[in-house]
Amino acid sequence: RLAECCIMAYHMSIIEEKTVDDSRK
């Protein structure tokens, strides 16, 4: 479960960064 938390948090941060980068691009 702890590993799943880390994976989900990382995945959500990637999506957030991608959204910001896409708006800039």
PDB file of all heavy atoms in Angstrom:
ATOM      1  N   ARG A   1       0.829  -1.216   0.000  1.00  0.00           N
ATOM      2  CA  ARG A   1       0.000   0.000   0.000  1.00  0.00           C
ATOM      3  C   ARG A   1       0.856   1.255   0.000  1.00  0.00           C
ATOM      4  O   ARG A   1       0.530   2.253  -0.662  1.00  0.00           O
ATOM      5  CB  ARG A   1      -0.924   0.008   1.221  1.00  0.00           C
ATOM      6  CG  ARG A   1      -1.895  -1.160   1.299  1.00  0.00           C
ATOM      7  CD  ARG A   1      -2.743  -1.299   0.061  1.00  0.00           C
ATOM      8  NE  ARG A   1      -3.655  -2.424   0.156  1.00  0.00           N
ATOM      9  CZ  ARG A   1      -4.251  -2.998  -0.872  1.00  0.00           C
ATOM     10  NH1 ARG A   1      -4.003  -2.570  -2.091  1.00  0.00           N
ATOM     11  NH2 ARG A   1      -5.083  -4.002  -0.692  1.00  0.00           N
ATOM     12  N   LEU A   2       1.951   1.234   0.743  1.00  0.00           N
ATOM     13  CA  LEU A   2       2.850   2.388   0.748  1.00  0.00           C
ATOM     14  C   LEU A   2       3.451   2.625  -0.643  1.00  0.00           C
ATOM     15  O   LEU A   2       3.573   3.773  -1.098  1.00  0.00           O
ATOM     16  CB  LEU A   2       3.973   2.181   1.774  1.00  0.00           C
ATOM     17  CG  LEU A   2       3.567   2.349   3.242  1.00  0.00           C
ATOM     18  CD1 LEU A   2       4.676   1.845   4.160  1.00  0.00           C
ATOM     19  CD2 LEU A   2       3.258   3.804   3.550  1.00  0.00           C
ATOM     20  N   ALA A   3       3.800   1.532  -1.318  1.00  0.00           N
ATOM     21  CA  ALA A   3       4.326   1.653  -2.684  1.00  0.00           C
ATOM     22  C   ALA A   3       3.261   2.228  -3.622  1.00  0.00           C
ATOM     23  O   ALA A   3       3.558   3.080  -4.472  1.00  0.00           O
ATOM     24  CB  ALA A   3       4.796   0.286  -3.181  1.00  0.00           C
ATOM     25  N   GLU A   4       2.024   1.784  -3.447  1.00  0.00           N
ATOM     26  CA  GLU A   4       0.920   2.312  -4.277  1.00  0.00           C
ATOM     27  C   GLU A   4       0.725   3.807  -4.035  1.00  0.00           C
ATOM     28  O   GLU A   4       0.434   4.553  -4.966  1.00  0.00           O
ATOM     29  CB  GLU A   4      -0.367   1.548  -3.974  1.00  0.00           C
ATOM     30  CG  GLU A   4      -0.364   0.122  -4.494  1.00  0.00           C
ATOM     31  CD  GLU A   4      -1.635  -0.628  -4.127  1.00  0.00           C
ATOM     32  OE1 GLU A   4      -2.384  -0.122  -3.268  1.00  0.00           O
ATOM     33  OE2 GLU A   4      -1.874  -1.700  -4.711  1.00  0.00           O
ATOM     34  N   CYS A   5       0.879   4.236  -2.785  1.00  0.00           N
ATOM     35  CA  CYS A   5       0.774   5.665  -2.476  1.00  0.00           C
ATOM     36  C   CYS A   5       1.836   6.463  -3.230  1.00  0.00           C
ATOM     37  O   CYS A   5       1.547   7.528  -3.810  1.00  0.00           O
ATOM     38  CB  CYS A   5       0.927   5.901  -0.972  1.00  0.00           C
ATOM     39  SG  CYS A   5      -0.464   5.349   0.012  1.00  0.00           S
ATOM     40  N   CYS A   6       3.065   5.956  -3.196  1.00  0.00           N
ATOM     41  CA  CYS A   6       4.171   6.646  -3.884  1.00  0.00           C
ATOM     42  C   CYS A   6       3.930   6.703  -5.393  1.00  0.00           C
ATOM     43  O   CYS A   6       4.139   7.750  -6.036  1.00  0.00           O
ATOM     44  CB  CYS A   6       5.492   5.951  -3.583  1.00  0.00           C
ATOM     45  SG  CYS A   6       5.955   5.980  -1.838  1.00  0.00           S
ATOM     46  N   ILE A   7       3.480   5.600  -5.966  1.00  0.00           N
ATOM     47  CA  ILE A   7       3.239   5.546  -7.412  1.00  0.00           C
ATOM     48  C   ILE A   7       2.117   6.497  -7.799  1.00  0.00           C
ATOM     49  O   ILE A   7       2.224   7.244  -8.780  1.00  0.00           O
ATOM     50  CB  ILE A   7       2.900   4.107  -7.850  1.00  0.00           C
ATOM     51  CG1 ILE A   7       4.127   3.203  -7.675  1.00  0.00           C
ATOM     52  CG2 ILE A   7       2.427   4.067  -9.294  1.00  0.00           C
ATOM     53  CD1 ILE A   7       3.831   1.728  -7.834  1.00  0.00           C
ATOM     54  N   MET A   8       1.030   6.486  -7.015  1.00  0.00           N
ATOM     55  CA  MET A   8      -0.103   7.360  -7.329  1.00  0.00           C
ATOM     56  C   MET A   8       0.278   8.831  -7.198  1.00  0.00           C
ATOM     57  O   MET A   8      -0.095   9.659  -8.040  1.00  0.00           O
ATOM     58  CB  MET A   8      -1.291   7.051  -6.418  1.00  0.00           C
ATOM     59  CG  MET A   8      -2.531   7.874  -6.728  1.00  0.00           C
ATOM     60  SD  MET A   8      -3.927   7.523  -5.637  1.00  0.00           S
ATOM     61  CE  MET A   8      -4.376   5.873  -6.208  1.00  0.00           C
ATOM     62  N   ALA A   9       1.020   9.166  -6.138  1.00  0.00           N
ATOM     63  CA  ALA A   9       1.438  10.557  -5.938  1.00  0.00           C
ATOM     64  C   ALA A   9       2.342  11.012  -7.081  1.00  0.00           C
ATOM     65  O   ALA A   9       2.201  12.132  -7.593  1.00  0.00           O
ATOM     66  CB  ALA A   9       2.149  10.696  -4.599  1.00  0.00           C
ATOM     67  N   TYR A  10       3.267  10.133  -7.496  1.00  0.00           N
ATOM     68  CA  TYR A  10       4.164  10.473  -8.609  1.00  0.00           C
ATOM     69  C   TYR A  10       3.382  10.629  -9.909  1.00  0.00           C
ATOM     70  O   TYR A  10       3.600  11.578 -10.670  1.00  0.00           O
ATOM     71  CB  TYR A  10       5.221   9.379  -8.755  1.00  0.00           C
ATOM     72  CG  TYR A  10       6.151   9.594  -9.932  1.00  0.00           C
ATOM     73  CD1 TYR A  10       7.154  10.553  -9.891  1.00  0.00           C
ATOM     74  CD2 TYR A  10       6.013   8.827 -11.098  1.00  0.00           C
ATOM     75  CE1 TYR A  10       8.003  10.752 -10.968  1.00  0.00           C
ATOM     76  CE2 TYR A  10       6.852   9.010 -12.174  1.00  0.00           C
ATOM     77  CZ  TYR A  10       7.842   9.973 -12.115  1.00  0.00           C
ATOM     78  OH  TYR A  10       8.670  10.171 -13.188  1.00  0.00           O
ATOM     79  N   HIS A  11       2.450   9.737 -10.136  1.00  0.00           N
ATOM     80  CA  HIS A  11       1.642   9.786 -11.358  1.00  0.00           C
ATOM     81  C   HIS A  11       0.824  11.079 -11.404  1.00  0.00           C
ATOM     82  O   HIS A  11       0.732  11.726 -12.464  1.00  0.00           O
ATOM     83  CB  HIS A  11       0.707   8.574 -11.404  1.00  0.00           C
ATOM     84  CG  HIS A  11      -0.141   8.511 -12.638  1.00  0.00           C
ATOM     85  ND1 HIS A  11       0.380   8.347 -13.903  1.00  0.00           N
ATOM     86  CD2 HIS A  11      -1.498   8.602 -12.797  1.00  0.00           C
ATOM     87  CE1 HIS A  11      -0.589   8.333 -14.803  1.00  0.00           C
ATOM     88  NE2 HIS A  11      -1.746   8.488 -14.142  1.00  0.00           N
ATOM     89  N   MET A  12       0.247  11.461 -10.269  1.00  0.00           N
ATOM     90  CA  MET A  12      -0.555  12.691 -10.220  1.00  0.00           C
ATOM     91  C   MET A  12       0.315  13.923 -10.442  1.00  0.00           C
ATOM     92  O   MET A  12      -0.106  14.881 -11.093  1.00  0.00           O
ATOM     93  CB  MET A  12      -1.282  12.776  -8.876  1.00  0.00           C
ATOM     94  CG  MET A  12      -2.379  11.733  -8.704  1.00  0.00           C
ATOM     95  SD  MET A  12      -3.106  11.701  -7.059  1.00  0.00           S
ATOM     96  CE  MET A  12      -3.982  13.262  -7.034  1.00  0.00           C
ATOM     97  N   SER A  13       1.549  13.888  -9.911  1.00  0.00           N
ATOM     98  CA  SER A  13       2.448  15.031 -10.111  1.00  0.00           C
ATOM     99  C   SER A  13       2.879  15.142 -11.571  1.00  0.00           C
ATOM    100  O   SER A  13       3.009  16.252 -12.118  1.00  0.00           O
ATOM    101  CB  SER A  13       3.675  14.903  -9.206  1.00  0.00           C
ATOM    102  OG  SER A  13       4.464  13.787  -9.588  1.00  0.00           O
ATOM    103  N   ILE A  14       3.085  13.989 -12.235  1.00  0.00           N
ATOM    104  CA  ILE A  14       3.464  13.992 -13.654  1.00  0.00           C
ATOM    105  C   ILE A  14       2.337  14.580 -14.500  1.00  0.00           C
ATOM    106  O   ILE A  14       2.566  15.392 -15.416  1.00  0.00           O
ATOM    107  CB  ILE A  14       3.806  12.567 -14.128  1.00  0.00           C
ATOM    108  CG1 ILE A  14       5.108  12.083 -13.481  1.00  0.00           C
ATOM    109  CG2 ILE A  14       3.906  12.507 -15.647  1.00  0.00           C
ATOM    110  CD1 ILE A  14       6.332  12.885 -13.893  1.00  0.00           C
ATOM    111  N   ILE A  15       1.101  14.161 -14.200  1.00  0.00           N
ATOM    112  CA  ILE A  15      -0.045  14.672 -14.950  1.00  0.00           C
ATOM    113  C   ILE A  15      -0.171  16.179 -14.764  1.00  0.00           C
ATOM    114  O   ILE A  15      -0.436  16.927 -15.718  1.00  0.00           O
ATOM    115  CB  ILE A  15      -1.339  13.960 -14.496  1.00  0.00           C
ATOM    116  CG1 ILE A  15      -1.290  12.488 -14.914  1.00  0.00           C
ATOM    117  CG2 ILE A  15      -2.564  14.644 -15.078  1.00  0.00           C
ATOM    118  CD1 ILE A  15      -2.473  11.682 -14.416  1.00  0.00           C
ATOM    119  N   GLU A  16       0.042  16.640 -13.523  1.00  0.00           N
ATOM    120  CA  GLU A  16      -0.061  18.075 -13.245  1.00  0.00           C
ATOM    121  C   GLU A  16       1.012  18.860 -13.993  1.00  0.00           C
ATOM    122  O   GLU A  16       0.745  19.907 -14.590  1.00  0.00           O
ATOM    123  CB  GLU A  16       0.065  18.299 -11.736  1.00  0.00           C
ATOM    124  CG  GLU A  16      -0.142  19.745 -11.322  1.00  0.00           C
ATOM    125  CD  GLU A  16      -0.057  19.927  -9.820  1.00  0.00           C
ATOM    126  OE1 GLU A  16      -0.052  18.900  -9.100  1.00  0.00           O
ATOM    127  OE2 GLU A  16       0.005  21.079  -9.373  1.00  0.00           O
ATOM    128  N   GLU A  17       2.261  18.325 -13.966  1.00  0.00           N
ATOM    129  CA  GLU A  17       3.348  19.000 -14.680  1.00  0.00           C
ATOM    130  C   GLU A  17       3.100  18.998 -16.183  1.00  0.00           C
ATOM    131  O   GLU A  17       3.368  19.984 -16.874  1.00  0.00           O
ATOM    132  CB  GLU A  17       4.672  18.309 -14.368  1.00  0.00           C
ATOM    133  CG  GLU A  17       5.151  18.522 -12.946  1.00  0.00           C
ATOM    134  CD  GLU A  17       6.442  17.783 -12.679  1.00  0.00           C
ATOM    135  OE1 GLU A  17       6.978  17.180 -13.628  1.00  0.00           O
ATOM    136  OE2 GLU A  17       6.901  17.803 -11.516  1.00  0.00           O
ATOM    137  N   LYS A  18       2.580  17.890 -16.689  1.00  0.00           N
ATOM    138  CA  LYS A  18       2.312  17.786 -18.121  1.00  0.00           C
ATOM    139  C   LYS A  18       1.246  18.782 -18.549  1.00  0.00           C
ATOM    140  O   LYS A  18       1.339  19.398 -19.623  1.00  0.00           O
ATOM    141  CB  LYS A  18       1.873  16.365 -18.466  1.00  0.00           C
ATOM    142  CG  LYS A  18       1.725  16.123 -19.954  1.00  0.00           C
ATOM    143  CD  LYS A  18       1.361  14.675 -20.240  1.00  0.00           C
ATOM    144  CE  LYS A  18       1.213  14.442 -21.740  1.00  0.00           C
ATOM    145  NZ  LYS A  18       0.833  13.043 -22.030  1.00  0.00           N
ATOM    146  N   THR A  19       0.235  18.953 -17.690  1.00  0.00           N
ATOM    147  CA  THR A  19      -0.825  19.916 -18.000  1.00  0.00           C
ATOM    148  C   THR A  19      -0.271  21.326 -18.085  1.00  0.00           C
ATOM    149  O   THR A  19      -0.604  22.098 -18.988  1.00  0.00           O
ATOM    150  CB  THR A  19      -1.926  19.846 -16.924  1.00  0.00           C
ATOM    151  OG1 THR A  19      -2.423  18.517 -16.850  1.00  0.00           O
ATOM    152  CG2 THR A  19      -3.057  20.792 -17.252  1.00  0.00           C
ATOM    153  N   VAL A  20       0.617  21.637 -17.130  1.00  0.00           N
ATOM    154  CA  VAL A  20       1.229  22.976 -17.135  1.00  0.00           C
ATOM    155  C   VAL A  20       2.135  23.148 -18.343  1.00  0.00           C
ATOM    156  O   VAL A  20       2.115  24.185 -19.024  1.00  0.00           O
ATOM    157  CB  VAL A  20       2.023  23.196 -15.825  1.00  0.00           C
ATOM    158  CG1 VAL A  20       2.790  24.507 -15.892  1.00  0.00           C
ATOM    159  CG2 VAL A  20       1.080  23.176 -14.633  1.00  0.00           C
ATOM    160  N   ASP A  21       2.934  22.124 -18.650  1.00  0.00           N
ATOM    161  CA  ASP A  21       3.848  22.204 -19.799  1.00  0.00           C
ATOM    162  C   ASP A  21       3.078  22.316 -21.104  1.00  0.00           C
ATOM    163  O   ASP A  21       3.487  23.073 -22.008  1.00  0.00           O
ATOM    164  CB  ASP A  21       4.749  20.969 -19.837  1.00  0.00           C
ATOM    165  CG  ASP A  21       5.758  20.971 -18.694  1.00  0.00           C
ATOM    166  OD1 ASP A  21       5.963  22.060 -18.108  1.00  0.00           O
ATOM    167  OD2 ASP A  21       6.311  19.896 -18.385  1.00  0.00           O
ATOM    168  N   ASP A  22       1.969  21.579 -21.212  1.00  0.00           N
ATOM    169  CA  ASP A  22       1.173  21.627 -22.439  1.00  0.00           C
ATOM    170  C   ASP A  22       0.596  23.013 -22.656  1.00  0.00           C
ATOM    171  O   ASP A  22       0.526  23.510 -23.793  1.00  0.00           O
ATOM    172  CB  ASP A  22       0.044  20.599 -22.392  1.00  0.00           C
ATOM    173  CG  ASP A  22       0.567  19.179 -22.561  1.00  0.00           C
ATOM    174  OD1 ASP A  22       1.736  19.041 -22.992  1.00  0.00           O
ATOM    175  OD2 ASP A  22      -0.182  18.230 -22.258  1.00  0.00           O
ATOM    176  N   SER A  23       0.190  23.663 -21.574  1.00  0.00           N
ATOM    177  CA  SER A  23      -0.369  25.014 -21.717  1.00  0.00           C
ATOM    178  C   SER A  23       0.709  25.999 -22.141  1.00  0.00           C
ATOM    179  O   SER A  23       0.463  26.939 -22.893  1.00  0.00           O
ATOM    180  CB  SER A  23      -1.004  25.465 -20.396  1.00  0.00           C
ATOM    181  OG  SER A  23      -0.014  25.546 -19.374  1.00  0.00           O
ATOM    182  N   ARG A  24       1.948  25.750 -21.660  1.00  0.00           N
ATOM    183  CA  ARG A  24       3.053  26.621 -22.068  1.00  0.00           C
ATOM    184  C   ARG A  24       3.442  26.372 -23.525  1.00  0.00           C
ATOM    185  O   ARG A  24       3.687  27.288 -24.289  1.00  0.00           O
ATOM    186  CB  ARG A  24       4.260  26.368 -21.164  1.00  0.00           C
ATOM    187  CG  ARG A  24       4.059  26.844 -19.728  1.00  0.00           C
ATOM    188  CD  ARG A  24       5.229  26.446 -18.864  1.00  0.00           C
ATOM    189  NE  ARG A  24       5.067  26.888 -17.487  1.00  0.00           N
ATOM    190  CZ  ARG A  24       5.879  26.546 -16.494  1.00  0.00           C
ATOM    191  NH1 ARG A  24       6.929  25.751 -16.750  1.00  0.00           N
ATOM    192  NH2 ARG A  24       5.660  26.980 -15.278  1.00  0.00           N
ATOM    193  N   LYS A  25       3.481  25.060 -23.897  1.00  0.00           N
ATOM    194  CA  LYS A  25       3.890  24.704 -25.247  1.00  0.00           C
ATOM    195  C   LYS A  25       2.891  25.217 -26.288  1.00  0.00           C
ATOM    196  O   LYS A  25       3.257  25.597 -27.392  1.00  0.00           O
ATOM    197  CB  LYS A  25       4.041  23.200 -25.370  1.00  0.00           C
ATOM    198  CG  LYS A  25       5.236  22.638 -24.610  1.00  0.00           C
ATOM    199  CD  LYS A  25       5.268  21.126 -24.713  1.00  0.00           C
ATOM    200  CE  LYS A  25       6.426  20.547 -23.918  1.00  0.00           C
ATOM    201  NZ  LYS A  25       6.432  19.067 -23.965  1.00  0.00           N
TER     202      LYS A  25
END
